Amino acid sequence: MLHVAGAGVCGCCGALRPRYKRLVDNIFPEDPEDGLVKTNMEKLTFYALSAPEKLDRIGAYLSERLIRDVSRHRYG
């Protein structure tokens, strides 16, 4: 089984993660030099507007991702 670092789920079960987490993860490209993925940011924005009750969770998870990337010196 593949283990996604810090996610606590195996690679084959990624679809079982909450949708907002998958959408947040998808805005970050494989290569940080590519910048954020605009179409995936639009999908996340649409989801956030469609499910405003999830805004707190989306914000918290996005903050968690950003803190993790900054602490690993991934500034791209």
C-alpha atoms as a PDB file:
ATOM      1  CA  MET A   1       0.000   0.000   0.000  1.00  0.00           C
ATOM      2  CA  LEU A   2       1.136   3.514  -0.728  1.00  0.00           C
ATOM      3  CA  HIS A   3       1.047   5.884   2.181  1.00  0.00           C
ATOM      4  CA  VAL A   4       0.437   9.564   1.581  1.00  0.00           C
ATOM      5  CA  ALA A   5       2.723  11.449   3.927  1.00  0.00           C
ATOM      6  CA  GLY A   6       0.779  13.170   6.672  1.00  0.00           C
ATOM      7  CA  ALA A   7      -2.592  12.257   5.224  1.00  0.00           C
ATOM      8  CA  GLY A   8      -3.118   9.035   7.147  1.00  0.00           C
ATOM      9  CA  VAL A   9      -4.678   7.232   4.182  1.00  0.00           C
ATOM     10  CA  CYS A  10      -3.293   4.839   1.633  1.00  0.00           C
ATOM     11  CA  GLY A  11      -2.800   5.941  -1.990  1.00  0.00           C
ATOM     12  CA  CYS A  12      -5.494   3.598  -3.268  1.00  0.00           C
ATOM     13  CA  CYS A  13      -8.145   5.085  -0.980  1.00  0.00           C
ATOM     14  CA  GLY A  14      -7.706   8.762  -1.890  1.00  0.00           C
ATOM     15  CA  ALA A  15     -11.289   8.911  -3.137  1.00  0.00           C
ATOM     16  CA  LEU A  16     -12.476   8.260   0.417  1.00  0.00           C
ATOM     17  CA  ARG A  17     -11.017  11.564   1.623  1.00  0.00           C
ATOM     18  CA  PRO A  18     -13.515  14.402   2.038  1.00  0.00           C
ATOM     19  CA  ARG A  19     -14.193  16.258  -1.203  1.00  0.00           C
ATOM     20  CA  TYR A  20     -12.959  19.580   0.181  1.00  0.00           C
ATOM     21  CA  LYS A  21      -9.569  18.020   1.006  1.00  0.00           C
ATOM     22  CA  ARG A  22      -9.236  16.557  -2.485  1.00  0.00           C
ATOM     23  CA  LEU A  23     -10.168  19.925  -4.006  1.00  0.00           C
ATOM     24  CA  VAL A  24      -7.618  21.776  -1.851  1.00  0.00           C
ATOM     25  CA  ASP A  25      -4.919  19.194  -2.654  1.00  0.00           C
ATOM     26  CA  ASN A  26      -5.658  19.514  -6.376  1.00  0.00           C
ATOM     27  CA  ILE A  27      -4.862  23.247  -6.489  1.00  0.00           C
ATOM     28  CA  PHE A  28      -1.224  22.480  -5.693  1.00  0.00           C
ATOM     29  CA  PRO A  29       0.705  21.246  -8.780  1.00  0.00           C
ATOM     30  CA  GLU A  30       3.220  18.384  -8.844  1.00  0.00           C
ATOM     31  CA  ASP A  31       5.960  20.897  -9.685  1.00  0.00           C
ATOM     32  CA  PRO A  32       5.740  23.989  -7.439  1.00  0.00           C
ATOM     33  CA  GLU A  33       7.319  26.092 -10.203  1.00  0.00           C
ATOM     34  CA  ASP A  34       4.107  25.661 -12.232  1.00  0.00           C
ATOM     35  CA  GLY A  35       2.116  27.786  -9.770  1.00  0.00           C
ATOM     36  CA  LEU A  36      -1.374  27.053  -8.535  1.00  0.00           C
ATOM     37  CA  VAL A  37      -3.792  25.275 -10.891  1.00  0.00           C
ATOM     38  CA  LYS A  38      -6.392  27.896 -11.824  1.00  0.00           C
ATOM     39  CA  THR A  39      -9.119  25.517 -13.039  1.00  0.00           C
ATOM     40  CA  ASN A  40      -8.879  23.542  -9.803  1.00  0.00           C
ATOM     41  CA  MET A  41      -9.016  26.784  -7.810  1.00  0.00           C
ATOM     42  CA  GLU A  42     -12.253  27.593  -9.634  1.00  0.00           C
ATOM     43  CA  LYS A  43     -13.643  24.152  -8.723  1.00  0.00           C
ATOM     44  CA  LEU A  44     -12.749  24.751  -5.065  1.00  0.00           C
ATOM     45  CA  THR A  45     -14.368  28.202  -5.165  1.00  0.00           C
ATOM     46  CA  PHE A  46     -17.543  26.790  -6.710  1.00  0.00           C
ATOM     47  CA  TYR A  47     -17.651  24.031  -4.083  1.00  0.00           C
ATOM     48  CA  ALA A  48     -17.137  26.561  -1.277  1.00  0.00           C
ATOM     49  CA  LEU A  49     -19.985  28.706  -2.611  1.00  0.00           C
ATOM     50  CA  SER A  50     -22.212  25.635  -2.960  1.00  0.00           C
ATOM     51  CA  ALA A  51     -21.427  24.324   0.526  1.00  0.00           C
ATOM     52  CA  PRO A  52     -20.849  27.365   2.775  1.00  0.00           C
ATOM     53  CA  GLU A  53     -21.157  25.154   5.864  1.00  0.00           C
ATOM     54  CA  LYS A  54     -17.778  23.646   4.862  1.00  0.00           C
ATOM     55  CA  LEU A  55     -15.939  26.994   4.724  1.00  0.00           C
ATOM     56  CA  ASP A  56     -14.417  26.552   8.195  1.00  0.00           C
ATOM     57  CA  ARG A  57     -13.070  23.105   7.297  1.00  0.00           C
ATOM     58  CA  ILE A  58     -11.811  24.281   3.898  1.00  0.00           C
ATOM     59  CA  GLY A  59     -10.011  27.233   5.486  1.00  0.00           C
ATOM     60  CA  ALA A  60      -8.497  25.112   8.239  1.00  0.00           C
ATOM     61  CA  TYR A  61      -7.239  22.481   5.799  1.00  0.00           C
ATOM     62  CA  LEU A  62      -5.883  25.105   3.396  1.00  0.00           C
ATOM     63  CA  SER A  63      -4.059  26.735   6.299  1.00  0.00           C
ATOM     64  CA  GLU A  64      -2.670  23.348   7.336  1.00  0.00           C
ATOM     65  CA  ARG A  65      -1.362  22.733   3.797  1.00  0.00           C
ATOM     66  CA  LEU A  66       0.225  26.179   3.580  1.00  0.00           C
ATOM     67  CA  ILE A  67       1.901  25.865   6.990  1.00  0.00           C
ATOM     68  CA  ARG A  68       3.227  22.430   6.040  1.00  0.00           C
ATOM     69  CA  ASP A  69       4.632  23.714   2.729  1.00  0.00           C
ATOM     70  CA  VAL A  70       6.247  26.772   4.322  1.00  0.00           C
ATOM     71  CA  SER A  71       7.826  24.678   7.068  1.00  0.00           C
ATOM     72  CA  ARG A  72       9.296  22.419   4.348  1.00  0.00           C
ATOM     73  CA  HIS A  73      10.581  25.503   2.490  1.00  0.00           C
ATOM     74  CA  ARG A  74       8.281  24.886  -0.483  1.00  0.00           C
ATOM     75  CA  TYR A  75       7.685  28.486  -1.449  1.00  0.00           C
ATOM     76  CA  GLY A  76       6.816  27.924  -5.131  1.00  0.00           C
END
